[in-house]
Protein backbone atom coordinates (compact mmCIF):
# COMPACT_ATOMS: atom_id res chain seq x y z
CA MET A 1 8.54 -14.62 2.31
CA LEU A 2 8.39 -11.91 4.93
CA ASP A 3 7.81 -8.26 4.18
CA LEU A 4 10.85 -6.08 4.90
CA LYS A 5 8.73 -3.72 6.99
CA PHE A 6 7.66 -6.65 9.16
CA ILE A 7 11.26 -7.84 9.52
CA ARG A 8 12.38 -4.35 10.47
CA GLU A 9 9.63 -3.92 13.07
CA ASN A 10 9.99 -7.43 14.52
CA SER A 11 13.67 -8.21 14.02
CA LYS A 12 14.15 -9.93 17.38
CA ALA A 13 11.13 -12.17 16.88
CA VAL A 14 12.19 -13.02 13.31
CA GLN A 15 15.73 -13.83 14.48
CA GLU A 16 14.38 -16.04 17.28
CA ASN A 17 11.99 -17.80 14.90
CA CYS A 18 14.83 -18.54 12.48
CA ARG A 19 16.93 -19.90 15.33
CA ASN A 20 14.03 -22.12 16.48
CA ARG A 21 13.73 -23.53 12.97
CA GLY A 22 17.46 -24.20 12.74
CA VAL A 23 17.99 -21.58 10.05
CA GLU A 24 21.03 -19.33 10.07
CA ALA A 25 19.89 -15.80 9.29
CA ASP A 26 21.47 -12.47 10.11
CA VAL A 27 18.37 -10.30 10.33
CA GLY A 28 20.43 -7.20 11.12
CA LEU A 29 22.42 -7.71 7.93
CA VAL A 30 19.22 -8.09 5.91
CA VAL A 31 17.93 -4.77 7.23
CA GLU A 32 21.32 -3.08 6.70
CA LEU A 33 21.57 -4.29 3.11
CA ALA A 34 18.00 -3.19 2.38
CA ASP A 35 18.82 0.28 3.73
CA ARG A 36 21.96 0.46 1.57
CA ARG A 37 19.97 -0.68 -1.47
CA SER A 38 17.37 2.04 -0.89
CA ALA A 39 20.08 4.69 -0.52
CA LEU A 40 21.77 3.58 -3.74
CA ILE A 41 18.49 3.59 -5.65
CA GLN A 42 17.79 7.12 -4.38
CA GLU A 43 21.29 8.24 -5.40
CA LEU A 44 20.82 6.70 -8.85
CA ASN A 45 17.47 8.44 -9.29
CA ASP A 46 19.01 11.77 -8.24
CA LEU A 47 21.81 11.34 -10.78
CA LYS A 48 19.36 10.44 -13.54
CA GLN A 49 17.27 13.50 -12.69
CA GLU A 50 20.36 15.72 -12.81
CA GLN A 51 21.41 14.19 -16.11
CA ASN A 52 17.98 14.86 -17.60
CA ARG A 53 18.18 18.53 -16.58
CA THR A 54 21.35 19.09 -18.60
């Protein structure tokens, strides 16, 4: 399994490697979904923090 940081920094190489191996992979989508996940986790943590203050 590849580290997300590596995928992000080497997305073209990862995409090409997948293609060479005959694997369908949308590397851009993987990065986009990881970014959305991080944003949602941050939003959840902010809401929990606000809830704890009240």
